[in-house]
């Protein structure tokens, strides 16, 4: 019963097995740090974002608001996009 619905391993262990088997199956030579990065990237996508708002606003609407915000609200730091603008603009 290899494909059980409920798994006992952690997401990192699960993706580690998948990444290792994919590397072997495709005859790739990947450094350990590369597979570590991919495993943690995949595992990070399944963790819930506790800082996400609980409203039912569409993702696209929140994205447009975030692009237009640029830290103009009081008490908020400027966005990464605004902080990384080239000098003189």
N, C-alpha and C. Protein backbone atom coordinates (compact mmCIF):
# COMPACT_ATOMS: atom_id res chain seq x y z
N UNK A 1 0.86 -1.19 0.00
CA UNK A 1 0.00 0.00 0.00
C UNK A 1 0.89 1.23 0.00
N UNK A 2 1.56 1.42 -1.09
CA UNK A 2 2.54 2.50 -1.21
C UNK A 2 1.88 3.86 -1.41
N UNK A 3 0.73 3.90 -2.05
CA UNK A 3 0.06 5.17 -2.35
C UNK A 3 -1.06 5.44 -1.35
N UNK A 4 -0.76 5.40 -0.09
CA UNK A 4 -1.76 5.64 0.95
C UNK A 4 -2.25 7.08 0.90
N UNK A 5 -3.49 7.29 1.29
CA UNK A 5 -4.07 8.63 1.29
C UNK A 5 -3.46 9.46 2.41
N UNK A 6 -3.31 8.88 3.58
CA UNK A 6 -2.73 9.57 4.72
C UNK A 6 -1.27 9.15 4.84
N UNK A 7 -0.38 10.12 4.83
CA UNK A 7 1.05 9.83 4.90
C UNK A 7 1.57 10.19 6.28
N UNK A 8 2.55 9.43 6.75
CA UNK A 8 3.14 9.66 8.06
C UNK A 8 4.39 10.53 8.00
N UNK A 9 4.98 10.69 6.82
CA UNK A 9 6.21 11.48 6.73
C UNK A 9 5.89 12.96 6.58
N UNK A 10 6.88 13.78 6.87
CA UNK A 10 6.72 15.23 6.76
C UNK A 10 6.74 15.63 5.29
N UNK A 11 6.26 16.84 4.98
CA UNK A 11 6.33 17.30 3.59
C UNK A 11 7.76 17.29 3.04
N UNK A 12 8.73 17.66 3.88
CA UNK A 12 10.12 17.67 3.43
C UNK A 12 10.58 16.26 3.09
N UNK A 13 10.24 15.29 3.93
CA UNK A 13 10.61 13.90 3.64
C UNK A 13 9.94 13.40 2.37
N UNK A 14 8.68 13.75 2.20
CA UNK A 14 7.93 13.33 1.03
C UNK A 14 8.57 13.87 -0.25
N UNK A 15 8.82 15.18 -0.28
CA UNK A 15 9.41 15.77 -1.48
C UNK A 15 10.85 15.34 -1.69
N UNK A 16 11.56 15.05 -0.61
CA UNK A 16 12.93 14.58 -0.74
C UNK A 16 12.95 13.25 -1.51
N UNK A 17 12.05 12.35 -1.16
CA UNK A 17 11.95 11.09 -1.88
C UNK A 17 11.60 11.28 -3.34
N UNK A 18 10.67 12.18 -3.61
CA UNK A 18 10.27 12.43 -4.99
C UNK A 18 11.41 13.04 -5.81
N UNK A 19 12.09 14.02 -5.23
CA UNK A 19 13.18 14.68 -5.95
C UNK A 19 14.33 13.70 -6.20
N UNK A 20 14.68 12.91 -5.21
CA UNK A 20 15.76 11.94 -5.39
C UNK A 20 15.42 10.91 -6.46
N UNK A 21 14.19 10.42 -6.45
CA UNK A 21 13.80 9.44 -7.47
C UNK A 21 13.75 10.07 -8.86
N UNK A 22 13.31 11.32 -8.94
CA UNK A 22 13.28 12.00 -10.24
C UNK A 22 14.70 12.21 -10.78
N UNK A 23 15.63 12.56 -9.91
CA UNK A 23 17.02 12.76 -10.34
C UNK A 23 17.59 11.45 -10.86
N UNK A 24 17.34 10.35 -10.15
CA UNK A 24 17.84 9.06 -10.59
C UNK A 24 17.16 8.59 -11.87
N UNK A 25 15.85 8.74 -11.95
CA UNK A 25 15.09 8.29 -13.11
C UNK A 25 15.52 9.02 -14.39
N UNK A 26 15.84 10.30 -14.25
CA UNK A 26 16.21 11.10 -15.42
C UNK A 26 17.72 11.15 -15.63
N UNK A 27 18.45 10.39 -14.84
CA UNK A 27 19.92 10.31 -14.96
C UNK A 27 20.57 11.69 -14.92
N UNK A 28 20.16 12.48 -13.94
CA UNK A 28 20.72 13.82 -13.77
C UNK A 28 21.85 13.78 -12.75
N UNK A 29 22.76 14.69 -12.90
CA UNK A 29 23.77 14.87 -11.86
C UNK A 29 23.51 16.23 -11.22
N UNK A 30 22.98 16.19 -10.02
CA UNK A 30 22.64 17.42 -9.31
C UNK A 30 23.39 17.43 -7.98
N UNK A 31 23.89 18.60 -7.63
CA UNK A 31 24.55 18.72 -6.34
C UNK A 31 23.51 18.66 -5.23
N UNK A 32 23.97 18.28 -4.05
CA UNK A 32 23.08 18.13 -2.91
C UNK A 32 22.37 19.43 -2.57
N UNK A 33 23.07 20.54 -2.71
CA UNK A 33 22.47 21.84 -2.38
C UNK A 33 21.32 22.16 -3.33
N UNK A 34 21.40 21.71 -4.59
CA UNK A 34 20.33 21.97 -5.55
C UNK A 34 19.08 21.17 -5.19
N UNK A 35 19.26 19.90 -4.85
CA UNK A 35 18.09 19.10 -4.47
C UNK A 35 17.51 19.60 -3.14
N UNK A 36 18.37 20.04 -2.22
CA UNK A 36 17.90 20.62 -0.95
C UNK A 36 17.04 21.84 -1.22
N UNK A 37 17.47 22.69 -2.14
CA UNK A 37 16.72 23.90 -2.49
C UNK A 37 15.35 23.54 -3.07
N UNK A 38 15.33 22.60 -4.00
CA UNK A 38 14.06 22.23 -4.64
C UNK A 38 13.11 21.61 -3.62
N UNK A 39 13.61 20.74 -2.76
CA UNK A 39 12.78 20.10 -1.75
C UNK A 39 12.16 21.16 -0.83
N UNK A 40 12.96 22.10 -0.36
CA UNK A 40 12.43 23.13 0.54
C UNK A 40 11.50 24.10 -0.17
N UNK A 41 11.75 24.34 -1.43
CA UNK A 41 10.85 25.19 -2.22
C UNK A 41 9.48 24.53 -2.33
N UNK A 42 9.47 23.25 -2.67
CA UNK A 42 8.20 22.53 -2.78
C UNK A 42 7.48 22.45 -1.44
N UNK A 43 8.21 22.14 -0.39
CA UNK A 43 7.60 22.03 0.93
C UNK A 43 7.04 23.37 1.40
N UNK A 44 7.69 24.45 1.02
CA UNK A 44 7.22 25.77 1.40
C UNK A 44 5.88 26.13 0.78
N UNK A 45 5.57 25.57 -0.38
CA UNK A 45 4.31 25.89 -1.05
C UNK A 45 3.12 25.25 -0.38
N UNK A 46 3.32 24.21 0.41
CA UNK A 46 2.16 23.57 1.02
C UNK A 46 1.89 24.07 2.43
N UNK A 47 2.81 24.83 2.97
CA UNK A 47 2.58 25.39 4.31
C UNK A 47 1.61 26.55 4.18
N UNK A 48 0.71 26.65 5.14
CA UNK A 48 -0.28 27.72 5.07
C UNK A 48 0.35 29.04 5.46
N UNK A 49 -0.09 30.09 4.84
CA UNK A 49 0.40 31.43 5.12
C UNK A 49 -0.48 32.04 6.21
N UNK A 50 0.01 32.09 7.41
CA UNK A 50 -0.79 32.58 8.53
C UNK A 50 -0.97 34.09 8.50
N UNK A 51 -0.18 34.77 7.71
CA UNK A 51 -0.31 36.23 7.64
C UNK A 51 -1.31 36.66 6.56
N UNK A 52 -1.86 35.71 5.83
CA UNK A 52 -2.80 36.04 4.76
C UNK A 52 -4.10 36.57 5.35
N UNK A 53 -4.68 37.55 4.71
CA UNK A 53 -5.94 38.08 5.22
C UNK A 53 -7.05 37.04 5.10
N UNK A 54 -8.02 37.14 6.02
CA UNK A 54 -9.12 36.19 6.03
C UNK A 54 -10.29 36.64 5.17
N UNK A 55 -10.16 37.77 4.50
CA UNK A 55 -11.27 38.23 3.69
C UNK A 55 -11.41 37.38 2.43
N UNK A 56 -12.51 37.54 1.76
CA UNK A 56 -12.79 36.76 0.55
C UNK A 56 -12.48 37.56 -0.70
N UNK A 57 -11.62 38.53 -0.59
CA UNK A 57 -11.27 39.36 -1.73
C UNK A 57 -10.44 38.56 -2.72
N UNK A 58 -10.70 38.73 -3.99
CA UNK A 58 -9.98 37.98 -5.03
C UNK A 58 -8.50 38.31 -5.00
N UNK A 59 -7.70 37.33 -5.36
CA UNK A 59 -6.25 37.49 -5.36
C UNK A 59 -5.82 38.62 -6.31
N UNK A 60 -6.46 38.71 -7.45
CA UNK A 60 -6.11 39.76 -8.41
C UNK A 60 -6.36 41.15 -7.86
N UNK A 61 -7.43 41.32 -7.12
CA UNK A 61 -7.75 42.62 -6.52
C UNK A 61 -6.71 42.97 -5.47
N UNK A 62 -6.34 42.00 -4.63
CA UNK A 62 -5.31 42.25 -3.63
C UNK A 62 -3.98 42.58 -4.29
N UNK A 63 -3.66 41.91 -5.41
CA UNK A 63 -2.42 42.17 -6.13
C UNK A 63 -2.37 43.59 -6.66
N UNK A 64 -3.45 44.04 -7.27
CA UNK A 64 -3.49 45.40 -7.81
C UNK A 64 -3.37 46.43 -6.70
N UNK A 65 -4.02 46.18 -5.58
CA UNK A 65 -3.90 47.10 -4.44
C UNK A 65 -2.47 47.14 -3.92
N UNK A 66 -1.82 45.99 -3.87
CA UNK A 66 -0.44 45.93 -3.38
C UNK A 66 0.50 46.65 -4.33
N UNK A 67 0.27 46.55 -5.63
CA UNK A 67 1.12 47.25 -6.60
C UNK A 67 0.97 48.76 -6.48
N UNK A 68 -0.24 49.22 -6.20
CA UNK A 68 -0.50 50.65 -6.10
C UNK A 68 -0.16 51.24 -4.75
N UNK A 69 0.02 50.42 -3.75
CA UNK A 69 0.24 50.91 -2.40
C UNK A 69 1.58 51.60 -2.25
N UNK A 70 2.67 50.94 -2.58
CA UNK A 70 4.04 51.48 -2.47
C UNK A 70 4.32 52.12 -1.11
N UNK A 71 3.66 51.64 -0.08
CA UNK A 71 3.96 52.12 1.27
C UNK A 71 3.40 53.48 1.58
N UNK A 72 2.42 53.94 0.85
CA UNK A 72 1.86 55.27 1.06
C UNK A 72 0.97 55.34 2.29
N UNK A 73 0.50 54.18 2.78
CA UNK A 73 -0.33 54.20 3.97
C UNK A 73 0.53 54.58 5.17
N UNK A 74 -0.08 55.23 6.12
CA UNK A 74 0.67 55.64 7.30
C UNK A 74 1.05 54.44 8.14
N UNK A 75 2.24 54.47 8.68
CA UNK A 75 2.70 53.42 9.56
C UNK A 75 3.23 52.19 8.85
N UNK A 76 3.26 52.17 7.56
CA UNK A 76 3.76 51.01 6.82
C UNK A 76 5.07 51.35 6.15
N UNK A 77 5.96 50.40 6.13
CA UNK A 77 7.22 50.58 5.44
C UNK A 77 6.98 50.54 3.94
N UNK A 78 7.82 51.19 3.16
CA UNK A 78 7.68 51.12 1.70
C UNK A 78 7.86 49.68 1.23
N UNK A 79 7.18 49.33 0.15
CA UNK A 79 7.30 47.99 -0.37
C UNK A 79 8.71 47.73 -0.89
N UNK A 80 9.04 46.48 -1.08
CA UNK A 80 10.36 46.11 -1.62
C UNK A 80 10.56 46.75 -2.99
N UNK A 81 9.48 46.80 -3.78
CA UNK A 81 9.56 47.40 -5.11
C UNK A 81 9.93 48.88 -5.01
N UNK A 82 9.33 49.57 -4.06
CA UNK A 82 9.61 51.00 -3.90
C UNK A 82 11.02 51.23 -3.35
N UNK A 83 11.47 50.37 -2.45
CA UNK A 83 12.81 50.52 -1.87
C UNK A 83 13.91 50.23 -2.88
N UNK A 84 13.62 49.40 -3.87
CA UNK A 84 14.65 48.97 -4.81
C UNK A 84 14.65 49.74 -6.11
N UNK A 85 13.94 50.84 -6.15
CA UNK A 85 13.95 51.65 -7.36
C UNK A 85 15.34 52.26 -7.56
N UNK A 86 15.77 52.40 -8.81
CA UNK A 86 17.08 53.01 -9.06
C UNK A 86 17.12 54.45 -8.55
N UNK A 87 18.29 54.90 -8.20
CA UNK A 87 18.47 56.27 -7.73
C UNK A 87 18.06 57.26 -8.82
N UNK A 88 17.47 58.36 -8.42
CA UNK A 88 17.10 59.39 -9.37
C UNK A 88 15.71 59.26 -9.93
N UNK A 89 14.94 58.25 -9.50
CA UNK A 89 13.58 58.13 -10.03
C UNK A 89 12.58 58.39 -8.94
